[in-house]
Full PDB file with SEQRES, HELIX, SHEET, SSBOND, CRYST1, ORIGX, SCALE, CONECT and MASTER records, all heavy atoms in Angstrom:
SEQRES   1 A   31  GLY ILE GLY SER LEU ILE PHE MET GLY PHE THR LEU TYR          
SEQRES   2 A   31  GLU ASN TYR MET TYR ALA VAL HIS LEU GLY SER ASP LYS          
SEQRES   3 A   31  GLN GLY ILE PHE GLY                                          
HELIX    1 AA1 ILE A    2  VAL A   20  1                                  19    
HELIX    2 AA2 SER A   24  PHE A   30  1                                   7    
CRYST1    1.000    1.000    1.000  90.00  90.00  90.00 P 1           1          
ORIGX1      1.000000  0.000000  0.000000        0.00000                         
ORIGX2      0.000000  1.000000  0.000000        0.00000                         
ORIGX3      0.000000  0.000000  1.000000        0.00000                         
SCALE1      1.000000  0.000000  0.000000        0.00000                         
SCALE2      0.000000  1.000000  0.000000        0.00000                         
SCALE3      0.000000  0.000000  1.000000        0.00000                         
ATOM      1  N   GLY A   1     198.323 -35.492 -40.029  1.00  0.00           N  
ATOM      2  CA  GLY A   1     198.552 -35.223 -38.610  1.00  0.00           C  
ATOM      3  C   GLY A   1     197.555 -34.228 -38.048  1.00  0.00           C  
ATOM      4  O   GLY A   1     196.964 -34.447 -36.981  1.00  0.00           O  
ATOM      5  N   ILE A   2     197.384 -33.123 -38.773  1.00  0.00           N  
ATOM      6  CA  ILE A   2     196.438 -32.098 -38.301  1.00  0.00           C  
ATOM      7  C   ILE A   2     195.002 -32.635 -38.304  1.00  0.00           C  
ATOM      8  O   ILE A   2     194.212 -32.384 -37.380  1.00  0.00           O  
ATOM      9  CB  ILE A   2     196.551 -30.838 -39.179  1.00  0.00           C  
ATOM     10  CG1 ILE A   2     197.928 -30.184 -38.987  1.00  0.00           C  
ATOM     11  CG2 ILE A   2     195.446 -29.843 -38.845  1.00  0.00           C  
ATOM     12  CD1 ILE A   2     198.206 -29.028 -39.929  1.00  0.00           C  
ATOM     13  N   GLY A   3     194.674 -33.406 -39.351  1.00  0.00           N  
ATOM     14  CA  GLY A   3     193.335 -33.997 -39.415  1.00  0.00           C  
ATOM     15  C   GLY A   3     193.084 -34.929 -38.248  1.00  0.00           C  
ATOM     16  O   GLY A   3     191.974 -34.959 -37.681  1.00  0.00           O  
ATOM     17  N   SER A   4     194.147 -35.695 -37.873  1.00  0.00           N  
ATOM     18  CA  SER A   4     194.004 -36.617 -36.736  1.00  0.00           C  
ATOM     19  C   SER A   4     193.765 -35.856 -35.441  1.00  0.00           C  
ATOM     20  O   SER A   4     192.931 -36.240 -34.607  1.00  0.00           O  
ATOM     21  CB  SER A   4     195.257 -37.493 -36.621  1.00  0.00           C  
ATOM     22  OG  SER A   4     195.430 -38.279 -37.786  1.00  0.00           O  
ATOM     23  N   LEU A   5     194.509 -34.761 -35.254  1.00  0.00           N  
ATOM     24  CA  LEU A   5     194.329 -33.957 -34.041  1.00  0.00           C  
ATOM     25  C   LEU A   5     192.927 -33.363 -33.980  1.00  0.00           C  
ATOM     26  O   LEU A   5     192.278 -33.348 -32.919  1.00  0.00           O  
ATOM     27  CB  LEU A   5     195.382 -32.847 -33.991  1.00  0.00           C  
ATOM     28  CG  LEU A   5     196.823 -33.289 -33.740  1.00  0.00           C  
ATOM     29  CD1 LEU A   5     197.765 -32.099 -33.850  1.00  0.00           C  
ATOM     30  CD2 LEU A   5     196.949 -33.935 -32.352  1.00  0.00           C  
ATOM     31  N   ILE A   6     192.468 -32.852 -35.100  1.00  0.00           N  
ATOM     32  CA  ILE A   6     191.113 -32.276 -35.126  1.00  0.00           C  
ATOM     33  C   ILE A   6     190.065 -33.352 -34.818  1.00  0.00           C  
ATOM     34  O   ILE A   6     189.106 -33.132 -34.050  1.00  0.00           O  
ATOM     35  CB  ILE A   6     190.844 -31.636 -36.500  1.00  0.00           C  
ATOM     36  CG1 ILE A   6     191.756 -30.416 -36.708  1.00  0.00           C  
ATOM     37  CG2 ILE A   6     189.372 -31.232 -36.626  1.00  0.00           C  
ATOM     38  CD1 ILE A   6     191.668 -29.807 -38.094  1.00  0.00           C  
ATOM     39  N   PHE A   7     190.263 -34.531 -35.439  1.00  0.00           N  
ATOM     40  CA  PHE A   7     189.322 -35.625 -35.197  1.00  0.00           C  
ATOM     41  C   PHE A   7     189.312 -36.038 -33.734  1.00  0.00           C  
ATOM     42  O   PHE A   7     188.257 -36.264 -33.132  1.00  0.00           O  
ATOM     43  CB  PHE A   7     189.681 -36.803 -36.100  1.00  0.00           C  
ATOM     44  CG  PHE A   7     188.831 -38.001 -35.879  1.00  0.00           C  
ATOM     45  CD1 PHE A   7     187.479 -38.011 -36.279  1.00  0.00           C  
ATOM     46  CD2 PHE A   7     189.329 -39.133 -35.252  1.00  0.00           C  
ATOM     47  CE1 PHE A   7     186.684 -39.127 -36.065  1.00  0.00           C  
ATOM     48  CE2 PHE A   7     188.532 -40.241 -35.036  1.00  0.00           C  
ATOM     49  CZ  PHE A   7     187.211 -40.246 -35.449  1.00  0.00           C  
ATOM     50  N   MET A   8     190.542 -36.147 -33.154  1.00  0.00           N  
ATOM     51  CA  MET A   8     190.630 -36.530 -31.739  1.00  0.00           C  
ATOM     52  C   MET A   8     189.968 -35.467 -30.847  1.00  0.00           C  
ATOM     53  O   MET A   8     189.218 -35.778 -29.908  1.00  0.00           O  
ATOM     54  CB  MET A   8     192.114 -36.702 -31.351  1.00  0.00           C  
ATOM     55  CG  MET A   8     192.773 -37.932 -31.966  1.00  0.00           C  
ATOM     56  SD  MET A   8     194.566 -37.937 -31.786  1.00  0.00           S  
ATOM     57  CE  MET A   8     194.734 -37.778 -30.029  1.00  0.00           C  
ATOM     58  N   GLY A   9     190.238 -34.190 -31.140  1.00  0.00           N  
ATOM     59  CA  GLY A   9     189.630 -33.127 -30.336  1.00  0.00           C  
ATOM     60  C   GLY A   9     188.121 -33.116 -30.472  1.00  0.00           C  
ATOM     61  O   GLY A   9     187.380 -32.942 -29.468  1.00  0.00           O  
ATOM     62  N   PHE A  10     187.633 -33.287 -31.685  1.00  0.00           N  
ATOM     63  CA  PHE A  10     186.186 -33.290 -31.915  1.00  0.00           C  
ATOM     64  C   PHE A  10     185.525 -34.454 -31.188  1.00  0.00           C  
ATOM     65  O   PHE A  10     184.464 -34.319 -30.565  1.00  0.00           O  
ATOM     66  CB  PHE A  10     185.908 -33.370 -33.423  1.00  0.00           C  
ATOM     67  CG  PHE A  10     184.456 -33.450 -33.753  1.00  0.00           C  
ATOM     68  CD1 PHE A  10     183.631 -32.323 -33.680  1.00  0.00           C  
ATOM     69  CD2 PHE A  10     183.877 -34.667 -34.131  1.00  0.00           C  
ATOM     70  CE1 PHE A  10     182.285 -32.416 -33.984  1.00  0.00           C  
ATOM     71  CE2 PHE A  10     182.532 -34.748 -34.417  1.00  0.00           C  
ATOM     72  CZ  PHE A  10     181.729 -33.618 -34.353  1.00  0.00           C  
ATOM     73  N   THR A  11     186.170 -35.627 -31.241  1.00  0.00           N  
ATOM     74  CA  THR A  11     185.605 -36.819 -30.580  1.00  0.00           C  
ATOM     75  C   THR A  11     185.542 -36.630 -29.071  1.00  0.00           C  
ATOM     76  O   THR A  11     184.532 -36.960 -28.416  1.00  0.00           O  
ATOM     77  CB  THR A  11     186.447 -38.042 -30.933  1.00  0.00           C  
ATOM     78  OG1 THR A  11     186.484 -38.202 -32.360  1.00  0.00           O  
ATOM     79  CG2 THR A  11     185.866 -39.305 -30.300  1.00  0.00           C  
ATOM     80  N   LEU A  12     186.670 -36.085 -28.491  1.00  0.00           N  
ATOM     81  CA  LEU A  12     186.672 -35.856 -27.051  1.00  0.00           C  
ATOM     82  C   LEU A  12     185.588 -34.850 -26.646  1.00  0.00           C  
ATOM     83  O   LEU A  12     184.899 -35.000 -25.630  1.00  0.00           O  
ATOM     84  CB  LEU A  12     188.065 -35.343 -26.615  1.00  0.00           C  
ATOM     85  CG  LEU A  12     189.192 -36.378 -26.628  1.00  0.00           C  
ATOM     86  CD1 LEU A  12     190.527 -35.701 -26.369  1.00  0.00           C  
ATOM     87  CD2 LEU A  12     188.933 -37.453 -25.566  1.00  0.00           C  
ATOM     88  N   TYR A  13     185.465 -33.812 -27.465  1.00  0.00           N  
ATOM     89  CA  TYR A  13     184.468 -32.787 -27.149  1.00  0.00           C  
ATOM     90  C   TYR A  13     183.065 -33.365 -27.215  1.00  0.00           C  
ATOM     91  O   TYR A  13     182.215 -33.117 -26.321  1.00  0.00           O  
ATOM     92  CB  TYR A  13     184.602 -31.619 -28.122  1.00  0.00           C  
ATOM     93  CG  TYR A  13     183.535 -30.555 -27.931  1.00  0.00           C  
ATOM     94  CD1 TYR A  13     183.622 -29.660 -26.852  1.00  0.00           C  
ATOM     95  CD2 TYR A  13     182.461 -30.475 -28.808  1.00  0.00           C  
ATOM     96  CE1 TYR A  13     182.640 -28.695 -26.690  1.00  0.00           C  
ATOM     97  CE2 TYR A  13     181.479 -29.511 -28.627  1.00  0.00           C  
ATOM     98  CZ  TYR A  13     181.571 -28.617 -27.571  1.00  0.00           C  
ATOM     99  OH  TYR A  13     180.596 -27.656 -27.381  1.00  0.00           O  
ATOM    100  N   GLU A  14     182.733 -34.148 -28.219  1.00  0.00           N  
ATOM    101  CA  GLU A  14     181.397 -34.740 -28.357  1.00  0.00           C  
ATOM    102  C   GLU A  14     181.112 -35.709 -27.217  1.00  0.00           C  
ATOM    103  O   GLU A  14     179.997 -35.759 -26.665  1.00  0.00           O  
ATOM    104  CB  GLU A  14     181.279 -35.450 -29.712  1.00  0.00           C  
ATOM    105  CG  GLU A  14     181.206 -34.515 -30.904  1.00  0.00           C  
ATOM    106  CD  GLU A  14     179.962 -33.641 -30.871  1.00  0.00           C  
ATOM    107  OE1 GLU A  14     178.900 -34.131 -30.436  1.00  0.00           O  
ATOM    108  OE2 GLU A  14     180.058 -32.455 -31.252  1.00  0.00           O  
ATOM    109  N   ASN A  15     182.129 -36.512 -26.847  1.00  0.00           N  
ATOM    110  CA  ASN A  15     181.942 -37.439 -25.725  1.00  0.00           C  
ATOM    111  C   ASN A  15     181.660 -36.688 -24.430  1.00  0.00           C  
ATOM    112  O   ASN A  15     180.826 -37.095 -23.605  1.00  0.00           O  
ATOM    113  CB  ASN A  15     183.174 -38.326 -25.563  1.00  0.00           C  
ATOM    114  CG  ASN A  15     183.221 -39.434 -26.602  1.00  0.00           C  
ATOM    115  OD1 ASN A  15     182.173 -39.858 -27.109  1.00  0.00           O  
ATOM    116  ND2 ASN A  15     184.417 -39.910 -26.929  1.00  0.00           N  
ATOM    117  N   TYR A  16     182.438 -35.612 -24.256  1.00  0.00           N  
ATOM    118  CA  TYR A  16     182.256 -34.828 -23.021  1.00  0.00           C  
ATOM    119  C   TYR A  16     180.850 -34.216 -22.963  1.00  0.00           C  
ATOM    120  O   TYR A  16     180.155 -34.297 -21.945  1.00  0.00           O  
ATOM    121  CB  TYR A  16     183.320 -33.732 -22.955  1.00  0.00           C  
ATOM    122  CG  TYR A  16     183.115 -32.777 -21.811  1.00  0.00           C  
ATOM    123  CD1 TYR A  16     183.436 -33.154 -20.488  1.00  0.00           C  
ATOM    124  CD2 TYR A  16     182.570 -31.515 -22.026  1.00  0.00           C  
ATOM    125  CE1 TYR A  16     183.227 -32.280 -19.443  1.00  0.00           C  
ATOM    126  CE2 TYR A  16     182.365 -30.635 -20.986  1.00  0.00           C  
ATOM    127  CZ  TYR A  16     182.700 -31.017 -19.693  1.00  0.00           C  
ATOM    128  OH  TYR A  16     182.493 -30.156 -18.641  1.00  0.00           O  
ATOM    129  N   MET A  17     180.415 -33.638 -24.050  1.00  0.00           N  
ATOM    130  CA  MET A  17     179.105 -33.009 -24.088  1.00  0.00           C  
ATOM    131  C   MET A  17     177.987 -34.042 -23.919  1.00  0.00           C  
ATOM    132  O   MET A  17     176.963 -33.794 -23.247  1.00  0.00           O  
ATOM    133  CB  MET A  17     178.903 -32.238 -25.410  1.00  0.00           C  
ATOM    134  CG  MET A  17     179.838 -31.055 -25.579  1.00  0.00           C  
ATOM    135  SD  MET A  17     179.709 -29.842 -24.248  1.00  0.00           S  
ATOM    136  CE  MET A  17     178.021 -29.265 -24.502  1.00  0.00           C  
ATOM    137  N   TYR A  18     178.202 -35.192 -24.498  1.00  0.00           N  
ATOM    138  CA  TYR A  18     177.201 -36.243 -24.361  1.00  0.00           C  
ATOM    139  C   TYR A  18     177.114 -36.721 -22.919  1.00  0.00           C  
ATOM    140  O   TYR A  18     176.036 -36.968 -22.376  1.00  0.00           O  
ATOM    141  CB  TYR A  18     177.547 -37.395 -25.305  1.00  0.00           C  
ATOM    142  CG  TYR A  18     176.555 -38.521 -25.273  1.00  0.00           C  
ATOM    143  CD1 TYR A  18     175.303 -38.399 -25.894  1.00  0.00           C  
ATOM    144  CD2 TYR A  18     176.855 -39.708 -24.612  1.00  0.00           C  
ATOM    145  CE1 TYR A  18     174.386 -39.434 -25.839  1.00  0.00           C  
ATOM    146  CE2 TYR A  18     175.948 -40.753 -24.571  1.00  0.00           C  
ATOM    147  CZ  TYR A  18     174.717 -40.615 -25.199  1.00  0.00           C  
ATOM    148  OH  TYR A  18     173.818 -41.643 -25.151  1.00  0.00           O  
ATOM    149  N   ALA A  19     178.277 -36.852 -22.283  1.00  0.00           N  
ATOM    150  CA  ALA A  19     178.311 -37.339 -20.901  1.00  0.00           C  
ATOM    151  C   ALA A  19     177.676 -36.345 -19.943  1.00  0.00           C  
ATOM    152  O   ALA A  19     177.060 -36.712 -18.936  1.00  0.00           O  
ATOM    153  CB  ALA A  19     179.751 -37.634 -20.490  1.00  0.00           C  
ATOM    154  N   VAL A  20     177.830 -35.041 -20.218  1.00  0.00           N  
ATOM    155  CA  VAL A  20     177.267 -34.007 -19.344  1.00  0.00           C  
ATOM    156  C   VAL A  20     175.752 -34.117 -19.293  1.00  0.00           C  
ATOM    157  O   VAL A  20     175.123 -33.921 -18.243  1.00  0.00           O  
ATOM    158  CB  VAL A  20     177.711 -32.614 -19.821  1.00  0.00           C  
ATOM    159  CG1 VAL A  20     176.910 -31.511 -19.106  1.00  0.00           C  
ATOM    160  CG2 VAL A  20     179.203 -32.430 -19.573  1.00  0.00           C  
ATOM    161  N   HIS A  21     175.131 -34.415 -20.429  1.00  0.00           N  
ATOM    162  CA  HIS A  21     173.677 -34.466 -20.499  1.00  0.00           C  
ATOM    163  C   HIS A  21     173.095 -35.786 -19.979  1.00  0.00           C  
ATOM    164  O   HIS A  21     171.870 -35.943 -19.915  1.00  0.00           O  
ATOM    165  CB  HIS A  21     173.202 -34.244 -21.936  1.00  0.00           C  
ATOM    166  CG  HIS A  21     173.472 -32.844 -22.427  1.00  0.00           C  
ATOM    167  ND1 HIS A  21     174.671 -32.459 -22.993  1.00  0.00           N  
ATOM    168  CD2 HIS A  21     172.681 -31.727 -22.389  1.00  0.00           C  
ATOM    169  CE1 HIS A  21     174.599 -31.183 -23.314  1.00  0.00           C  
ATOM    170  NE2 HIS A  21     173.391 -30.696 -22.943  1.00  0.00           N  
ATOM    171  N   LEU A  22     173.924 -36.719 -19.618  1.00  0.00           N  
ATOM    172  CA  LEU A  22     173.443 -37.985 -19.052  1.00  0.00           C  
ATOM    173  C   LEU A  22     173.218 -37.837 -17.543  1.00  0.00           C  
ATOM    174  O   LEU A  22     173.868 -37.027 -16.895  1.00  0.00           O  
ATOM    175  CB  LEU A  22     174.447 -39.103 -19.323  1.00  0.00           C  
ATOM    176  CG  LEU A  22     174.596 -39.554 -20.786  1.00  0.00           C  
ATOM    177  CD1 LEU A  22     175.730 -40.575 -20.902  1.00  0.00           C  
ATOM    178  CD2 LEU A  22     173.286 -40.148 -21.319  1.00  0.00           C  
ATOM    179  N   GLY A  23     172.431 -38.622 -17.054  1.00  0.00           N  
ATOM    180  CA  GLY A  23     172.234 -38.627 -15.609  1.00  0.00           C  
ATOM    181  C   GLY A  23     173.423 -39.267 -14.928  1.00  0.00           C  
ATOM    182  O   GLY A  23     174.232 -39.960 -15.535  1.00  0.00           O  
ATOM    183  N   SER A  24     173.517 -39.047 -13.606  1.00  0.00           N  
ATOM    184  CA  SER A  24     174.665 -39.568 -12.854  1.00  0.00           C  
ATOM    185  C   SER A  24     174.687 -41.086 -12.859  1.00  0.00           C  
ATOM    186  O   SER A  24     175.747 -41.698 -12.793  1.00  0.00           O  
ATOM    187  CB  SER A  24     174.609 -39.046 -11.407  1.00  0.00           C  
ATOM    188  OG  SER A  24     173.392 -39.435 -10.782  1.00  0.00           O  
ATOM    189  N   ASP A  25     173.501 -41.706 -12.937  1.00  0.00           N  
ATOM    190  CA  ASP A  25     173.487 -43.165 -12.928  1.00  0.00           C  
ATOM    191  C   ASP A  25     173.952 -43.759 -14.254  1.00  0.00           C  
ATOM    192  O   ASP A  25     174.357 -44.909 -14.321  1.00  0.00           O  
ATOM    193  CB  ASP A  25     172.058 -43.652 -12.595  1.00  0.00           C  
ATOM    194  CG  ASP A  25     171.030 -43.072 -13.575  1.00  0.00           C  
ATOM    195  OD1 ASP A  25     171.346 -42.015 -14.179  1.00  0.00           O  
ATOM    196  OD2 ASP A  25     169.962 -43.669 -13.741  1.00  0.00           O  
ATOM    197  N   LYS A  26     173.893 -43.004 -15.319  1.00  0.00           N  
ATOM    198  CA  LYS A  26     174.310 -43.526 -16.625  1.00  0.00           C  
ATOM    199  C   LYS A  26     175.718 -43.093 -17.033  1.00  0.00           C  
ATOM    200  O   LYS A  26     176.282 -43.614 -17.985  1.00  0.00           O  
ATOM    201  CB  LYS A  26     173.321 -43.066 -17.704  1.00  0.00           C  
ATOM    202  CG  LYS A  26     171.919 -43.660 -17.536  1.00  0.00           C  
ATOM    203  CD  LYS A  26     171.029 -43.216 -18.662  1.00  0.00           C  
ATOM    204  CE  LYS A  26     169.636 -43.844 -18.519  1.00  0.00           C  
ATOM    205  NZ  LYS A  26     168.731 -43.430 -19.615  1.00  0.00           N  
ATOM    206  N   GLN A  27     176.280 -42.102 -16.292  1.00  0.00           N  
ATOM    207  CA  GLN A  27     177.610 -41.621 -16.663  1.00  0.00           C  
ATOM    208  C   GLN A  27     178.691 -42.685 -16.424  1.00  0.00           C  
ATOM    209  O   GLN A  27     179.670 -42.763 -17.150  1.00  0.00           O  
ATOM    210  CB  GLN A  27     177.938 -40.347 -15.865  1.00  0.00           C  
ATOM    211  CG  GLN A  27     177.162 -39.136 -16.377  1.00  0.00           C  
ATOM    212  CD  GLN A  27     177.499 -37.867 -15.601  1.00  0.00           C  
ATOM    213  OE1 GLN A  27     178.196 -37.940 -14.579  1.00  0.00           O  
ATOM    214  NE2 GLN A  27     176.977 -36.742 -16.059  1.00  0.00           N  
ATOM    215  N   GLY A  28     178.481 -43.514 -15.393  1.00  0.00           N  
ATOM    216  CA  GLY A  28     179.458 -44.571 -15.130  1.00  0.00           C  
ATOM    217  C   GLY A  28     179.495 -45.565 -16.281  1.00  0.00           C  
ATOM    218  O   GLY A  28     180.560 -46.026 -16.690  1.00  0.00           O  
ATOM    219  N   ILE A  29     178.276 -45.907 -16.746  1.00  0.00           N  
ATOM    220  CA  ILE A  29     178.216 -46.853 -17.873  1.00  0.00           C  
ATOM    221  C   ILE A  29     178.897 -46.253 -19.117  1.00  0.00           C  
ATOM    222  O   ILE A  29     179.633 -46.900 -19.823  1.00  0.00           O  
ATOM    223  CB  ILE A  29     176.749 -47.226 -18.171  1.00  0.00           C  
ATOM    224  CG1 ILE A  29     176.126 -47.912 -16.963  1.00  0.00           C  
ATOM    225  CG2 ILE A  29     176.657 -48.107 -19.407  1.00  0.00           C  
ATOM    226  CD1 ILE A  29     174.618 -48.156 -17.094  1.00  0.00           C  
ATOM    227  N   PHE A  30     178.621 -44.964 -19.301  1.00  0.00           N  
ATOM    228  CA  PHE A  30     179.231 -44.300 -20.474  1.00  0.00           C  
ATOM    229  C   PHE A  30     180.765 -44.247 -20.341  1.00  0.00           C  
ATOM    230  O   PHE A  30     181.503 -44.372 -21.314  1.00  0.00           O  
ATOM    231  CB  PHE A  30     178.652 -42.892 -20.604  1.00  0.00           C  
ATOM    232  CG  PHE A  30     179.238 -42.130 -21.761  1.00  0.00           C  
ATOM    233  CD1 PHE A  30     178.831 -42.409 -23.056  1.00  0.00           C  
ATOM    234  CD2 PHE A  30     180.220 -41.163 -21.541  1.00  0.00           C  
ATOM    235  CE1 PHE A  30     179.374 -41.714 -24.112  1.00  0.00           C  
ATOM    236  CE2 PHE A  30     180.752 -40.474 -22.614  1.00  0.00           C  
ATOM    237  CZ  PHE A  30     180.333 -40.741 -23.906  1.00  0.00           C  
ATOM    238  N   GLY A  31     181.228 -44.070 -19.073  1.00  0.00           N  
ATOM    239  CA  GLY A  31     182.682 -44.043 -18.845  1.00  0.00           C  
ATOM    240  C   GLY A  31     183.325 -45.358 -19.239  1.00  0.00           C  
ATOM    241  O   GLY A  31     184.448 -45.387 -19.760  1.00  0.00           O  
TER     242      GLY A  31                                                      
MASTER        0    0    0    2    0    0    0    6  241    1    0    3          
END                                                                             
């Protein structure tokens, strides 16, 4: 359970950071 939560949090954080560095025209595609 704890491993799943950590994995989910890590994945959300990486996605968020990746999306921030994308341009506005590519963020929709990433969404």
